[in-house]
Amino acid sequence: MALLSALDREHTVAPPGYSRWLIPPAALSVHLCIGQVYATSVYKNSLVQHFDTSQTAIGVIFSIAIVMLGLSAAVGGTWVEANGPRKAMFVSASFWTTGFLVGALGIATSQLWLLYLGYGVLGGIGLGIGYISPVSTLIKWFPDRPGLATGLAIMGFGGGALVAGPLSRQLMSFYDSGYDPNVATSVADGGALTALFVTLGLGYFVIMMFGVVNIRVPREGWRPADWDPASVREKPLVTTAQISAANAIRTRAFWLLWIVLFCNVTAGIGILEQASPMIQDFFRDGGTSTVAVTAAAGFVGVLSLFNMAGRFVWSSTSDLIGRKPIYMIYLGGGMVLYTLLALFGPAATALFVLLAGVILSFYGGGFATIPAYLRDLFGTYQVGAIHGRLLTAWSAAGVAGPLIINGFLDAQGKPGTLTADAYRPALFTMVALLAVGFAANLLVRPVPEKYHEPATKEEVAA
């Protein structure tokens, strides 16, 4: 009971003198672990062979996890706010690890439905709770630089695949001597996949416990030295009022941001989901060239770097220029880059990688900046719960993005026979989506006073 009570919010209040710079590493430890979801393609072919099923049947696992991420974040957001980050991060670690272990049981017994239940449903719940658990706390510790703070943590989600990808390959080669991590067509056996899932699940639990132990919430009335809350009033679209999660979803601003996030994420997933085959198809000269295959081998890693860096760099930049202008760059710049990719991407491998990389940096930046945008519009009162509800846009985009691009590609021909021309309809569709998001961002306005919570005595005095 003493151990469980240590997870309560009142036992996580930081003592005087506690450094706020210890909070981002605690949050980062969680996001690096759950960011593994972006590395599922590493063992996808091995799962296809083990279960003797289709790519689509295995790909559904990722879709279930992303849908559950959005739903659990939306449903559990208010609970996270009420119970604090330590308990939420512990619950996240428990679900995430259980998801791997149940998934391992499914692989060992060749029961695909257990993999859906484990990694997809249970793991997806861990994803959603873990993703939002440190956000509200970070914003309260860094009211002067919310974009930098959330960018530091959320970049871990983008970088999780950068660690998990090569780690998973090496673990599979350790557990299966017949698996070659340097050969794209090599597949691991069921025993190696089972051991991989058990190893990752237990290992991630230990790492996430670092975040659980070190996370703290600021004491009532704490503020950074030399920071004046009145300075917030000088910035456009930044409120000093507080809006509840229940009221937030009744505002036009919330749904405009939902559209903004949905469009930005759908466009980004269009690149992310087809990264390796896309670069091969763009540079196919009557067949898959050696250059294309070599480029494809490192392309996913390069995109992960852009995705991770964009989450920190662009989110930090938003503290200087504002959240609305930075989304104009994400969406407007994305429209230009997608157009250039469709028209001139096949001209050179380096140009293609650069364009796709910047697009993915906007994708990552959009994720990292949205909590700070929500804080600007709705205050800190229940920003974690509001963020959770907004992440349903991610769930929708996780389904829509692959459907859009795969639908166009299926109409153009069979995998392995496509060229750059086959991608142009899908890429121009992404341009149209980004245009919708750009218009929605332009329409964002301050939240009307009728949705504000009654001001406290401290807020009135300030």
Protein backbone atom coordinates (compact mmCIF):
# COMPACT_ATOMS: atom_id res chain seq x y z
CA MET A 1 0.00 0.00 0.00
CA ALA A 2 2.89 2.36 0.79
CA LEU A 3 4.29 1.73 -2.70
CA LEU A 4 0.94 2.49 -4.32
CA SER A 5 0.43 5.65 -2.25
CA ALA A 6 3.82 6.91 -3.45
CA LEU A 7 2.23 7.22 -6.89
CA ASP A 8 -0.41 9.70 -5.66
CA ARG A 9 -0.20 13.28 -6.87
CA GLU A 10 0.30 14.77 -3.38
CA HIS A 11 3.47 12.70 -2.96
CA THR A 12 5.02 14.04 -6.16
CA VAL A 13 5.09 17.75 -5.26
CA ALA A 14 8.63 19.02 -5.77
CA PRO A 15 10.52 20.26 -2.71
CA PRO A 16 11.95 23.82 -2.67
CA GLY A 17 14.97 24.15 -4.94
CA TYR A 18 14.05 21.20 -7.17
CA SER A 19 15.45 21.76 -10.67
CA ARG A 20 12.81 21.86 -13.37
CA TRP A 21 15.42 20.58 -15.85
CA LEU A 22 15.09 17.14 -14.29
CA ILE A 23 11.52 16.89 -15.63
CA PRO A 24 12.27 16.68 -19.41
CA PRO A 25 14.58 13.62 -18.99
CA ALA A 26 11.86 11.89 -16.94
CA ALA A 27 9.32 12.56 -19.69
CA LEU A 28 11.84 11.62 -22.37
CA SER A 29 12.39 8.19 -20.81
CA VAL A 30 8.71 7.38 -21.37
CA HIS A 31 8.46 8.81 -24.89
CA LEU A 32 11.62 7.05 -26.10
CA CYS A 33 10.08 3.73 -25.06
CA ILE A 34 6.61 4.17 -26.51
CA GLY A 35 8.12 5.64 -29.70
CA GLN A 36 8.99 2.03 -30.55
CA VAL A 37 5.61 1.87 -32.28
CA TYR A 38 7.22 3.56 -35.30
CA ALA A 39 9.68 0.63 -35.63
CA THR A 40 7.11 -2.14 -36.16
CA SER A 41 8.11 -2.43 -39.83
CA VAL A 42 11.45 -3.94 -38.72
CA TYR A 43 9.83 -7.27 -37.84
CA LYS A 44 6.71 -7.01 -40.02
CA ASN A 45 7.89 -9.49 -42.66
CA SER A 46 8.94 -11.95 -39.96
CA LEU A 47 5.44 -11.80 -38.47
CA VAL A 48 3.89 -12.28 -41.92
CA GLN A 49 5.88 -15.46 -42.44
CA HIS A 50 5.37 -16.75 -38.89
CA PHE A 51 1.58 -16.39 -39.01
CA ASP A 52 1.42 -17.26 -42.74
CA THR A 53 -0.84 -14.30 -43.38
CA SER A 54 -0.95 -11.09 -45.42
CA GLN A 55 0.86 -7.77 -45.01
CA THR A 56 -2.51 -6.15 -44.37
CA ALA A 57 -3.35 -8.54 -41.52
CA ILE A 58 -0.08 -7.68 -39.77
CA GLY A 59 -0.35 -3.97 -40.61
CA VAL A 60 -3.65 -3.88 -38.74
CA ILE A 61 -1.68 -4.24 -35.50
CA PHE A 62 -0.13 -0.79 -35.98
CA SER A 63 -3.50 0.74 -36.87
CA ILE A 64 -5.14 -0.74 -33.75
CA ALA A 65 -2.35 0.64 -31.56
CA ILE A 66 -2.69 4.16 -33.01
CA VAL A 67 -6.49 4.12 -32.73
CA MET A 68 -6.23 2.98 -29.11
CA LEU A 69 -3.64 5.68 -28.49
CA GLY A 70 -6.11 8.39 -29.46
CA LEU A 71 -9.08 6.82 -27.69
CA SER A 72 -7.24 6.14 -24.42
CA ALA A 73 -5.74 9.62 -24.43
CA ALA A 74 -9.18 11.12 -24.96
CA VAL A 75 -10.98 8.98 -22.37
CA GLY A 76 -8.15 8.96 -19.82
CA GLY A 77 -7.05 12.58 -20.14
CA THR A 78 -9.14 13.87 -17.23
CA TRP A 79 -8.02 10.92 -15.05
CA VAL A 80 -4.38 11.78 -15.82
CA GLU A 81 -4.95 15.39 -14.76
CA ALA A 82 -6.63 14.32 -11.51
CA ASN A 83 -4.11 11.64 -10.50
CA GLY A 84 -0.88 13.25 -11.61
CA PRO A 85 1.97 12.23 -13.92
CA ARG A 86 3.64 9.63 -11.68
CA LYS A 87 0.61 7.36 -11.42
CA ALA A 88 -0.20 7.90 -15.11
CA MET A 89 3.33 7.01 -16.21
CA PHE A 90 3.26 3.87 -14.05
CA VAL A 91 -0.06 2.82 -15.59
CA SER A 92 1.36 3.52 -19.04
CA ALA A 93 4.44 1.37 -18.35
CA SER A 94 2.25 -1.45 -17.02
CA PHE A 95 -0.02 -1.50 -20.09
CA TRP A 96 2.89 -1.08 -22.52
CA THR A 97 4.82 -3.98 -20.99
CA THR A 98 1.73 -6.18 -20.68
CA GLY A 99 1.02 -5.50 -24.35
CA PHE A 100 4.43 -6.90 -25.32
CA LEU A 101 4.08 -9.93 -23.06
CA VAL A 102 0.58 -10.80 -24.31
CA GLY A 103 1.84 -10.24 -27.86
CA ALA A 104 4.74 -12.62 -27.15
CA LEU A 105 2.23 -15.24 -25.99
CA GLY A 106 0.31 -14.76 -29.24
CA ILE A 107 3.48 -15.30 -31.28
CA ALA A 108 4.52 -18.35 -29.25
CA THR A 109 1.09 -19.98 -29.67
CA SER A 110 0.54 -18.69 -33.25
CA GLN A 111 -2.65 -16.89 -32.13
CA LEU A 112 -2.76 -13.65 -34.12
CA TRP A 113 -5.73 -12.33 -32.14
CA LEU A 114 -3.54 -12.27 -29.02
CA LEU A 115 -1.09 -10.02 -30.86
CA TYR A 116 -3.99 -7.72 -31.75
CA LEU A 117 -5.13 -7.72 -28.12
CA GLY A 118 -1.64 -7.39 -26.66
CA TYR A 119 0.41 -4.97 -28.73
CA GLY A 120 -2.62 -3.41 -30.42
CA VAL A 121 -5.19 -2.86 -27.65
CA LEU A 122 -3.24 -3.06 -24.36
CA GLY A 123 -0.08 -1.57 -25.81
CA GLY A 124 -2.15 1.14 -27.50
CA ILE A 125 -3.65 2.13 -24.14
CA GLY A 126 -0.13 2.38 -22.74
CA LEU A 127 0.80 4.55 -25.71
CA GLY A 128 -2.06 6.99 -25.15
CA ILE A 129 -1.65 7.37 -21.38
CA GLY A 130 2.14 7.57 -21.69
CA TYR A 131 2.02 10.15 -24.47
CA ILE A 132 -0.06 12.68 -22.54
CA SER A 133 1.09 11.91 -18.97
CA PRO A 134 4.04 14.38 -18.81
CA VAL A 135 2.62 17.10 -21.08
CA SER A 136 0.58 19.08 -18.56
CA THR A 137 3.39 18.84 -16.00
CA LEU A 138 6.00 20.08 -18.47
CA ILE A 139 3.87 23.08 -19.39
CA LYS A 140 3.41 23.97 -15.70
CA TRP A 141 7.16 23.75 -15.09
CA PHE A 142 7.96 25.81 -18.20
CA PRO A 143 5.26 28.50 -18.53
CA ASP A 144 7.91 30.77 -20.06
CA ARG A 145 8.99 28.22 -22.73
CA PRO A 146 6.25 25.63 -23.22
CA GLY A 147 7.27 24.85 -26.80
CA LEU A 148 10.84 24.02 -25.81
CA ALA A 149 9.70 21.85 -22.89
CA THR A 150 7.19 19.74 -24.81
CA GLY A 151 9.59 19.54 -27.75
CA LEU A 152 12.31 18.07 -25.52
CA ALA A 153 10.01 15.27 -24.40
CA ILE A 154 7.98 14.59 -27.51
CA MET A 155 11.08 14.43 -29.71
CA GLY A 156 11.70 11.16 -27.84
CA PHE A 157 8.60 9.68 -29.45
CA GLY A 158 9.98 10.50 -32.88
CA GLY A 159 13.40 9.17 -31.92
CA GLY A 160 12.10 5.96 -30.37
CA ALA A 161 12.23 4.17 -33.71
CA LEU A 162 15.80 5.33 -34.23
CA VAL A 163 16.79 3.26 -31.20
CA ALA A 164 14.24 0.45 -31.47
CA GLY A 165 14.88 -0.31 -35.15
CA PRO A 166 18.55 -1.36 -35.00
CA LEU A 167 18.09 -2.76 -31.47
CA SER A 168 15.31 -5.07 -32.66
CA ARG A 169 17.40 -6.26 -35.61
CA GLN A 170 20.35 -7.08 -33.37
CA LEU A 171 18.15 -8.87 -30.83
CA MET A 172 16.53 -10.98 -33.54
CA SER A 173 19.97 -11.95 -34.88
CA PHE A 174 21.02 -12.85 -31.31
CA TYR A 175 17.97 -15.08 -30.80
CA ASP A 176 18.02 -16.55 -34.33
CA SER A 177 21.43 -17.28 -35.89
CA GLY A 178 19.76 -17.62 -39.28
CA TYR A 179 18.55 -14.02 -39.28
CA ASP A 180 20.82 -11.45 -40.94
CA PRO A 181 20.08 -7.87 -39.76
CA ASN A 182 21.85 -6.47 -42.82
CA VAL A 183 19.65 -8.25 -45.37
CA ALA A 184 16.24 -6.67 -45.98
CA THR A 185 14.64 -9.95 -47.04
CA SER A 186 15.88 -11.93 -44.02
CA VAL A 187 13.18 -13.03 -41.54
CA ALA A 188 13.42 -14.24 -37.94
CA ASP A 189 11.68 -17.36 -36.65
CA GLY A 190 8.85 -17.45 -34.13
CA GLY A 191 11.14 -18.20 -31.19
CA ALA A 192 13.24 -15.12 -31.90
CA LEU A 193 10.14 -12.94 -32.26
CA THR A 194 8.77 -14.22 -28.95
CA ALA A 195 12.06 -13.52 -27.18
CA LEU A 196 12.24 -10.08 -28.83
CA PHE A 197 8.83 -9.07 -27.49
CA VAL A 198 9.63 -10.33 -23.98
CA THR A 199 12.99 -8.53 -23.96
CA LEU A 200 11.55 -5.25 -25.22
CA GLY A 201 8.60 -5.37 -22.83
CA LEU A 202 10.70 -5.95 -19.72
CA GLY A 203 13.45 -3.58 -20.82
CA TYR A 204 11.04 -0.75 -21.54
CA PHE A 205 9.38 -1.21 -18.15
CA VAL A 206 12.72 -0.66 -16.37
CA ILE A 207 13.50 2.45 -18.43
CA MET A 208 10.04 3.92 -17.91
CA MET A 209 10.40 3.45 -14.16
CA PHE A 210 13.20 6.04 -14.29
CA GLY A 211 10.59 8.55 -15.39
CA VAL A 212 8.10 7.37 -12.76
CA VAL A 213 10.63 7.85 -9.94
CA ASN A 214 11.91 11.25 -11.07
CA ILE A 215 8.76 13.05 -12.23
CA ARG A 216 7.53 15.87 -9.96
CA VAL A 217 4.79 18.52 -10.10
CA PRO A 218 5.49 22.12 -9.05
CA ARG A 219 4.13 23.28 -5.71
CA GLU A 220 1.15 25.65 -5.67
CA GLY A 221 2.13 29.16 -6.68
CA TRP A 222 5.57 28.20 -8.05
CA ARG A 223 6.91 30.18 -10.98
CA PRO A 224 10.31 30.45 -12.71
CA ALA A 225 12.70 33.06 -11.38
CA ASP A 226 12.47 36.43 -13.15
CA TRP A 227 9.31 35.38 -15.04
CA ASP A 228 6.32 37.70 -14.91
CA PRO A 229 2.95 36.05 -15.68
CA ALA A 230 1.71 39.42 -16.88
CA SER A 231 4.06 39.11 -19.87
CA VAL A 232 1.71 36.47 -21.26
CA ARG A 233 -0.89 39.13 -21.94
CA GLU A 234 1.47 40.78 -24.42
CA LYS A 235 1.36 37.79 -26.78
CA PRO A 236 -1.47 37.30 -29.29
CA LEU A 237 -3.71 34.25 -28.82
CA VAL A 238 -2.18 33.51 -25.38
CA THR A 239 -4.76 33.56 -22.60
CA THR A 240 -4.34 34.04 -18.85
CA ALA A 241 -7.76 32.43 -18.32
CA GLN A 242 -8.47 28.73 -17.72
CA ILE A 243 -10.84 26.50 -19.71
CA SER A 244 -11.94 23.03 -18.66
CA ALA A 245 -11.72 20.03 -20.98
CA ALA A 246 -15.52 19.79 -21.03
CA ASN A 247 -15.81 23.39 -22.22
CA ALA A 248 -12.85 23.17 -24.59
CA ILE A 249 -14.56 20.65 -26.86
CA ARG A 250 -17.50 23.05 -27.17
CA THR A 251 -15.32 25.77 -28.71
CA ARG A 252 -14.65 26.42 -32.37
CA ALA A 253 -10.92 26.79 -31.64
CA PHE A 254 -10.66 23.17 -30.45
CA TRP A 255 -12.23 21.73 -33.60
CA LEU A 256 -10.19 23.97 -35.85
CA LEU A 257 -7.05 22.64 -34.17
CA TRP A 258 -8.43 19.10 -34.56
CA ILE A 259 -8.60 19.72 -38.32
CA VAL A 260 -5.12 21.26 -38.31
CA LEU A 261 -3.60 18.24 -36.54
CA PHE A 262 -5.53 15.73 -38.65
CA CYS A 263 -4.36 17.30 -41.93
CA ASN A 264 -0.74 17.66 -40.82
CA VAL A 265 -0.53 14.09 -39.50
CA THR A 266 -2.35 12.50 -42.44
CA ALA A 267 0.08 14.15 -44.85
CA GLY A 268 3.10 13.08 -42.79
CA ILE A 269 1.98 9.48 -42.47
CA GLY A 270 1.66 9.40 -46.25
CA ILE A 271 5.46 9.69 -46.40
CA LEU A 272 6.26 7.73 -43.27
CA GLU A 273 4.26 4.61 -44.13
CA GLN A 274 5.73 4.28 -47.65
CA ALA A 275 9.27 5.50 -46.96
CA SER A 276 11.34 2.52 -48.07
CA PRO A 277 9.32 1.41 -51.14
CA MET A 278 8.76 5.04 -52.17
CA ILE A 279 12.44 5.86 -52.67
CA GLN A 280 12.95 2.62 -54.60
CA ASP A 281 9.96 3.32 -56.84
CA PHE A 282 11.03 6.94 -57.45
CA PHE A 283 14.42 5.83 -58.74
CA ARG A 284 13.44 2.69 -60.59
CA ASP A 285 15.04 2.53 -64.00
CA GLY A 286 13.27 -0.38 -65.59
CA GLY A 287 13.90 -2.28 -62.35
CA THR A 288 15.09 -1.63 -58.82
CA SER A 289 18.48 0.00 -59.18
CA THR A 290 21.35 -0.65 -56.78
CA VAL A 291 21.39 3.05 -55.86
CA ALA A 292 17.71 2.93 -54.94
CA VAL A 293 18.08 -0.14 -52.78
CA THR A 294 21.09 1.33 -50.98
CA ALA A 295 19.28 4.63 -50.42
CA ALA A 296 16.18 2.87 -49.16
CA ALA A 297 18.20 1.01 -46.54
CA GLY A 298 19.12 4.25 -44.78
CA PHE A 299 16.11 6.35 -45.76
CA VAL A 300 13.91 5.37 -42.82
CA GLY A 301 16.70 6.22 -40.39
CA VAL A 302 17.24 9.63 -42.00
CA LEU A 303 13.53 10.37 -41.80
CA SER A 304 13.53 9.41 -38.11
CA LEU A 305 16.30 11.94 -37.52
CA PHE A 306 14.34 14.69 -39.29
CA ASN A 307 11.18 13.68 -37.43
CA MET A 308 12.97 13.81 -34.06
CA ALA A 309 14.88 17.03 -34.73
CA GLY A 310 11.76 18.76 -36.04
CA ARG A 311 9.93 18.07 -32.79
CA PHE A 312 12.53 20.03 -30.84
CA VAL A 313 13.69 22.70 -33.29
CA TRP A 314 10.31 23.79 -34.66
CA SER A 315 8.54 23.57 -31.29
CA SER A 316 11.26 25.71 -29.67
CA THR A 317 10.99 28.18 -32.55
CA SER A 318 7.27 28.53 -31.83
CA ASP A 319 8.17 30.11 -28.46
CA LEU A 320 9.78 32.95 -30.42
CA ILE A 321 7.39 33.49 -33.33
CA GLY A 322 4.12 32.13 -31.93
CA ARG A 323 2.09 28.99 -32.43
CA LYS A 324 -0.20 30.20 -35.22
CA PRO A 325 2.70 31.42 -37.43
CA ILE A 326 4.64 28.16 -36.95
CA TYR A 327 1.64 26.14 -38.16
CA MET A 328 1.43 28.40 -41.20
CA ILE A 329 4.99 27.24 -41.91
CA TYR A 330 4.17 23.58 -41.29
CA LEU A 331 1.09 23.59 -43.51
CA GLY A 332 1.98 26.22 -46.11
CA GLY A 333 5.55 25.02 -46.41
CA GLY A 334 4.31 21.44 -46.58
CA MET A 335 2.10 22.30 -49.56
CA VAL A 336 5.11 23.68 -51.42
CA LEU A 337 7.37 20.77 -50.50
CA TYR A 338 4.83 18.09 -51.48
CA THR A 339 4.37 19.82 -54.84
CA LEU A 340 8.14 19.92 -55.38
CA LEU A 341 8.42 16.27 -54.34
CA ALA A 342 5.77 15.22 -56.85
CA LEU A 343 7.22 17.25 -59.72
CA PHE A 344 10.98 17.21 -59.13
CA GLY A 345 11.61 14.47 -56.53
CA PRO A 346 12.82 11.93 -59.14
CA ALA A 347 15.50 14.36 -60.35
CA ALA A 348 18.05 13.30 -57.71
CA THR A 349 18.17 11.06 -54.65
CA ALA A 350 19.62 13.82 -52.47
CA LEU A 351 16.83 16.23 -53.44
CA PHE A 352 14.18 13.60 -52.76
CA VAL A 353 15.61 12.79 -49.30
CA LEU A 354 15.90 16.50 -48.41
CA LEU A 355 12.31 17.29 -49.41
CA ALA A 356 10.90 14.23 -47.64
CA GLY A 357 13.03 14.96 -44.57
CA VAL A 358 11.80 18.53 -44.17
CA ILE A 359 8.21 17.33 -44.64
CA LEU A 360 8.74 14.83 -41.82
CA SER A 361 10.29 17.55 -39.64
CA PHE A 362 7.04 19.52 -40.06
CA TYR A 363 5.11 16.35 -39.17
CA GLY A 364 7.10 15.93 -35.97
CA GLY A 365 7.02 19.64 -35.19
CA GLY A 366 3.24 19.65 -35.45
CA PHE A 367 3.01 16.98 -32.75
CA ALA A 368 5.41 18.74 -30.40
CA THR A 369 3.90 22.21 -30.82
CA ILE A 370 0.23 21.30 -30.36
CA PRO A 371 0.37 21.05 -26.52
CA ALA A 372 1.81 24.57 -26.33
CA TYR A 373 -0.86 25.82 -28.78
CA LEU A 374 -3.52 24.30 -26.50
CA ARG A 375 -1.93 25.93 -23.47
CA ASP A 376 -2.01 29.31 -25.24
CA LEU A 377 -5.71 29.01 -26.05
CA PHE A 378 -7.09 27.11 -23.04
CA GLY A 379 -4.65 27.71 -20.16
CA THR A 380 -2.99 25.10 -17.96
CA TYR A 381 -6.04 24.00 -15.91
CA GLN A 382 -6.81 20.77 -17.83
CA VAL A 383 -4.47 21.07 -20.80
CA GLY A 384 -3.46 17.39 -20.54
CA ALA A 385 -7.09 16.27 -20.81
CA ILE A 386 -7.70 18.65 -23.72
CA HIS A 387 -4.58 17.31 -25.42
CA GLY A 388 -5.89 13.78 -24.97
CA ARG A 389 -9.17 14.62 -26.67
CA LEU A 390 -7.35 16.32 -29.53
CA LEU A 391 -5.26 13.20 -30.18
CA THR A 392 -8.34 11.50 -31.62
CA ALA A 393 -7.27 13.41 -34.73
CA TRP A 394 -4.12 11.26 -34.72
CA SER A 395 -6.24 8.10 -34.54
CA ALA A 396 -8.30 9.25 -37.51
CA ALA A 397 -5.17 10.23 -39.45
CA GLY A 398 -3.52 6.90 -38.66
CA VAL A 399 -6.34 5.23 -40.58
CA ALA A 400 -6.88 7.86 -43.28
CA GLY A 401 -3.23 8.40 -44.29
CA PRO A 402 -2.39 4.80 -45.25
CA LEU A 403 -5.83 4.34 -46.84
CA ILE A 404 -5.37 7.38 -49.08
CA ILE A 405 -1.89 6.61 -50.33
CA ASN A 406 -2.39 2.83 -50.58
CA GLY A 407 -5.70 3.35 -52.38
CA PHE A 408 -4.00 5.44 -55.06
CA LEU A 409 -1.06 3.03 -55.35
CA ASP A 410 -3.29 -0.03 -55.64
CA ALA A 411 -5.04 1.67 -58.55
CA GLN A 412 -1.70 2.36 -60.25
CA GLY A 413 -0.29 -1.17 -60.22
CA LYS A 414 1.36 -3.87 -58.14
CA PRO A 415 4.14 -3.30 -55.58
CA GLY A 416 7.56 -3.62 -57.19
CA THR A 417 6.33 -2.29 -60.55
CA LEU A 418 5.47 1.30 -59.56
CA THR A 419 7.36 4.43 -60.59
CA ALA A 420 7.34 8.06 -59.44
CA ASP A 421 4.31 8.83 -61.62
CA ALA A 422 2.19 6.42 -59.54
CA TYR A 423 2.71 8.56 -56.43
CA ARG A 424 1.73 11.93 -57.89
CA PRO A 425 -2.06 11.64 -57.37
CA ALA A 426 -1.52 10.72 -53.69
CA LEU A 427 1.03 13.51 -53.17
CA PHE A 428 -1.25 16.15 -54.70
CA THR A 429 -4.07 14.86 -52.48
CA MET A 430 -1.81 15.59 -49.50
CA VAL A 431 -1.33 19.12 -50.83
CA ALA A 432 -5.10 19.58 -50.83
CA LEU A 433 -5.34 18.25 -47.26
CA LEU A 434 -2.64 20.65 -46.08
CA ALA A 435 -4.53 23.51 -47.73
CA VAL A 436 -7.58 22.62 -45.63
CA GLY A 437 -5.43 22.61 -42.50
CA PHE A 438 -3.85 25.93 -43.47
CA ALA A 439 -7.30 27.54 -43.80
CA ALA A 440 -8.40 26.07 -40.45
CA ASN A 441 -5.32 27.49 -38.72
CA LEU A 442 -6.04 30.96 -40.15
CA LEU A 443 -9.51 30.84 -38.58
CA VAL A 444 -8.27 30.16 -35.02
CA ARG A 445 -9.31 32.94 -32.64
CA PRO A 446 -9.15 33.45 -28.83
CA VAL A 447 -11.67 31.42 -26.82
CA PRO A 448 -14.75 33.52 -25.84
CA GLU A 449 -15.04 34.46 -22.16
CA LYS A 450 -18.24 32.45 -21.69
CA TYR A 451 -16.11 29.28 -21.70
CA HIS A 452 -13.65 30.54 -19.05
CA GLU A 453 -13.49 29.11 -15.54
CA PRO A 454 -14.17 31.60 -12.70
CA ALA A 455 -10.95 33.40 -11.81
CA THR A 456 -9.28 32.57 -8.48
CA LYS A 457 -8.22 35.26 -6.01
CA GLU A 458 -4.58 34.80 -7.06
CA GLU A 459 -5.44 35.26 -10.73
CA VAL A 460 -7.50 38.37 -9.98
CA ALA A 461 -4.62 39.83 -7.99
CA ALA A 462 -2.17 39.10 -10.80
